[in-house]
Amino acid sequence: PTVAPTGIMVYDGDAFPAWKGQVFYCTFKTFGPYHVQMNEKHTQFAGDPVLLDLPNGQQCFIEIMQGPDGYIYYSHISAIYRLVPA
């Protein structure tokens, strides 16, 4: 099924070292941000997308981006959220 990706970024910050180089995207149909590992040449996915479990029922279906602080910011129709390491 289609998921209608809306925002996309490649993470290169230091706040989440395990996610460095992964592609993140929001989806308009499922309201969730996903991340997926790329192959060494960054030409295709190297695995299946993983849905991020967001706190307090937050949703992401407009945009996702990395801030200058290395944290991940994502938006819903009425809010902008920040994802920080646990």
C-alpha atoms as a PDB file:
ATOM      1  CA  PRO A   1       0.000   0.000   0.000  1.00  0.00           C
ATOM      2  CA  THR A   2       1.061   3.581  -0.537  1.00  0.00           C
ATOM      3  CA  VAL A   3       2.004   5.691   2.470  1.00  0.00           C
ATOM      4  CA  ALA A   4       2.244   9.137   0.806  1.00  0.00           C
ATOM      5  CA  PRO A   5       5.627  10.360   2.104  1.00  0.00           C
ATOM      6  CA  THR A   6       5.598  14.092   2.806  1.00  0.00           C
ATOM      7  CA  GLY A   7       8.906  15.099   4.381  1.00  0.00           C
ATOM      8  CA  ILE A   8      12.285  13.476   3.869  1.00  0.00           C
ATOM      9  CA  MET A   9      15.790  13.919   5.248  1.00  0.00           C
ATOM     10  CA  VAL A  10      19.070  12.098   5.673  1.00  0.00           C
ATOM     11  CA  TYR A  11      20.194  12.273   9.285  1.00  0.00           C
ATOM     12  CA  ASP A  12      23.812  13.324   9.857  1.00  0.00           C
ATOM     13  CA  GLY A  13      23.693  14.697  13.416  1.00  0.00           C
ATOM     14  CA  ASP A  14      25.394  13.477  16.566  1.00  0.00           C
ATOM     15  CA  ALA A  15      22.387  13.226  18.917  1.00  0.00           C
ATOM     16  CA  PHE A  16      21.396   9.810  17.523  1.00  0.00           C
ATOM     17  CA  PRO A  17      24.659   8.126  16.387  1.00  0.00           C
ATOM     18  CA  ALA A  18      22.960   4.839  15.448  1.00  0.00           C
ATOM     19  CA  TRP A  19      20.776   6.685  12.920  1.00  0.00           C
ATOM     20  CA  LYS A  20      23.567   8.554  11.143  1.00  0.00           C
ATOM     21  CA  GLY A  21      23.156   8.228   7.366  1.00  0.00           C
ATOM     22  CA  GLN A  22      19.607   6.877   7.570  1.00  0.00           C
ATOM     23  CA  VAL A  23      16.694   8.314   5.613  1.00  0.00           C
ATOM     24  CA  PHE A  24      13.722   9.628   7.607  1.00  0.00           C
ATOM     25  CA  TYR A  25      10.311  10.527   6.226  1.00  0.00           C
ATOM     26  CA  CYS A  26       6.808  11.383   7.424  1.00  0.00           C
ATOM     27  CA  THR A  27       3.699   9.881   5.895  1.00  0.00           C
ATOM     28  CA  PHE A  28       0.397  11.550   5.182  1.00  0.00           C
ATOM     29  CA  LYS A  29      -1.648   8.343   5.265  1.00  0.00           C
ATOM     30  CA  THR A  30      -0.282   6.687   8.426  1.00  0.00           C
ATOM     31  CA  PHE A  31       0.859   9.837  10.308  1.00  0.00           C
ATOM     32  CA  GLY A  32       4.117   8.230  11.319  1.00  0.00           C
ATOM     33  CA  PRO A  33       7.778   8.946  10.802  1.00  0.00           C
ATOM     34  CA  TYR A  34       9.828   6.088   9.412  1.00  0.00           C
ATOM     35  CA  HIS A  35      13.563   5.596   9.088  1.00  0.00           C
ATOM     36  CA  VAL A  36      15.454   3.217   6.856  1.00  0.00           C
ATOM     37  CA  GLN A  37      19.101   2.300   6.342  1.00  0.00           C
ATOM     38  CA  MET A  38      20.703   2.980   2.952  1.00  0.00           C
ATOM     39  CA  ASN A  39      23.273   0.840   1.152  1.00  0.00           C
ATOM     40  CA  GLU A  40      26.933   1.949   1.106  1.00  0.00           C
ATOM     41  CA  LYS A  41      26.489   3.898  -2.148  1.00  0.00           C
ATOM     42  CA  HIS A  42      23.281   5.537  -0.874  1.00  0.00           C
ATOM     43  CA  THR A  43      21.441   4.432  -4.001  1.00  0.00           C
ATOM     44  CA  GLN A  44      18.773   2.192  -2.450  1.00  0.00           C
ATOM     45  CA  PHE A  45      17.301   1.015   0.825  1.00  0.00           C
ATOM     46  CA  ALA A  46      19.240  -1.711   2.640  1.00  0.00           C
ATOM     47  CA  GLY A  47      16.310  -2.926   4.730  1.00  0.00           C
ATOM     48  CA  ASP A  48      12.690  -2.360   5.571  1.00  0.00           C
ATOM     49  CA  PRO A  49      11.478   0.991   6.923  1.00  0.00           C
ATOM     50  CA  VAL A  50      11.037   1.135  10.701  1.00  0.00           C
ATOM     51  CA  LEU A  51       8.191   3.123  12.244  1.00  0.00           C
ATOM     52  CA  LEU A  52       9.290   5.400  15.096  1.00  0.00           C
ATOM     53  CA  ASP A  53       7.191   5.130  18.236  1.00  0.00           C
ATOM     54  CA  LEU A  54       6.384   8.742  19.108  1.00  0.00           C
ATOM     55  CA  PRO A  55       5.466   9.866  22.633  1.00  0.00           C
ATOM     56  CA  ASN A  56       1.959  10.880  23.733  1.00  0.00           C
ATOM     57  CA  GLY A  57       0.249   9.951  20.473  1.00  0.00           C
ATOM     58  CA  GLN A  58       2.167  12.549  18.479  1.00  0.00           C
ATOM     59  CA  GLN A  59       1.957  12.293  14.702  1.00  0.00           C
ATOM     60  CA  CYS A  60       4.153  13.340  11.809  1.00  0.00           C
ATOM     61  CA  PHE A  61       2.546  13.955   8.457  1.00  0.00           C
ATOM     62  CA  ILE A  62       3.850  17.248   7.122  1.00  0.00           C
ATOM     63  CA  GLU A  63       7.631  17.603   7.522  1.00  0.00           C
ATOM     64  CA  ILE A  64      10.659  16.119   9.252  1.00  0.00           C
ATOM     65  CA  MET A  65      14.087  17.708   9.525  1.00  0.00           C
ATOM     66  CA  GLN A  66      17.265  17.823  11.544  1.00  0.00           C
ATOM     67  CA  GLY A  67      17.847  20.950  13.602  1.00  0.00           C
ATOM     68  CA  PRO A  68      21.228  22.605  14.151  1.00  0.00           C
ATOM     69  CA  ASP A  69      21.279  20.945  17.591  1.00  0.00           C
ATOM     70  CA  GLY A  70      21.228  17.477  15.964  1.00  0.00           C
ATOM     71  CA  TYR A  71      17.730  16.697  17.239  1.00  0.00           C
ATOM     72  CA  ILE A  72      14.927  15.650  14.915  1.00  0.00           C
ATOM     73  CA  TYR A  73      11.951  17.978  14.421  1.00  0.00           C
ATOM     74  CA  TYR A  74       8.673  16.881  12.869  1.00  0.00           C
ATOM     75  CA  SER A  75       5.331  18.527  12.333  1.00  0.00           C
ATOM     76  CA  HIS A  76       1.657  17.841  12.495  1.00  0.00           C
ATOM     77  CA  ILE A  77      -1.034  20.169  11.193  1.00  0.00           C
ATOM     78  CA  SER A  78      -1.159  22.065  14.506  1.00  0.00           C
ATOM     79  CA  ALA A  79       2.246  21.532  16.167  1.00  0.00           C
ATOM     80  CA  ILE A  80       5.972  21.122  15.733  1.00  0.00           C
ATOM     81  CA  TYR A  81       7.657  18.471  17.883  1.00  0.00           C
ATOM     82  CA  ARG A  82      11.256  17.711  18.806  1.00  0.00           C
ATOM     83  CA  LEU A  83      12.647  14.186  19.219  1.00  0.00           C
ATOM     84  CA  VAL A  84      15.531  13.967  21.694  1.00  0.00           C
ATOM     85  CA  PRO A  85      17.533  10.952  22.944  1.00  0.00           C
ATOM     86  CA  ALA A  86      16.049   9.140  25.943  1.00  0.00           C
END
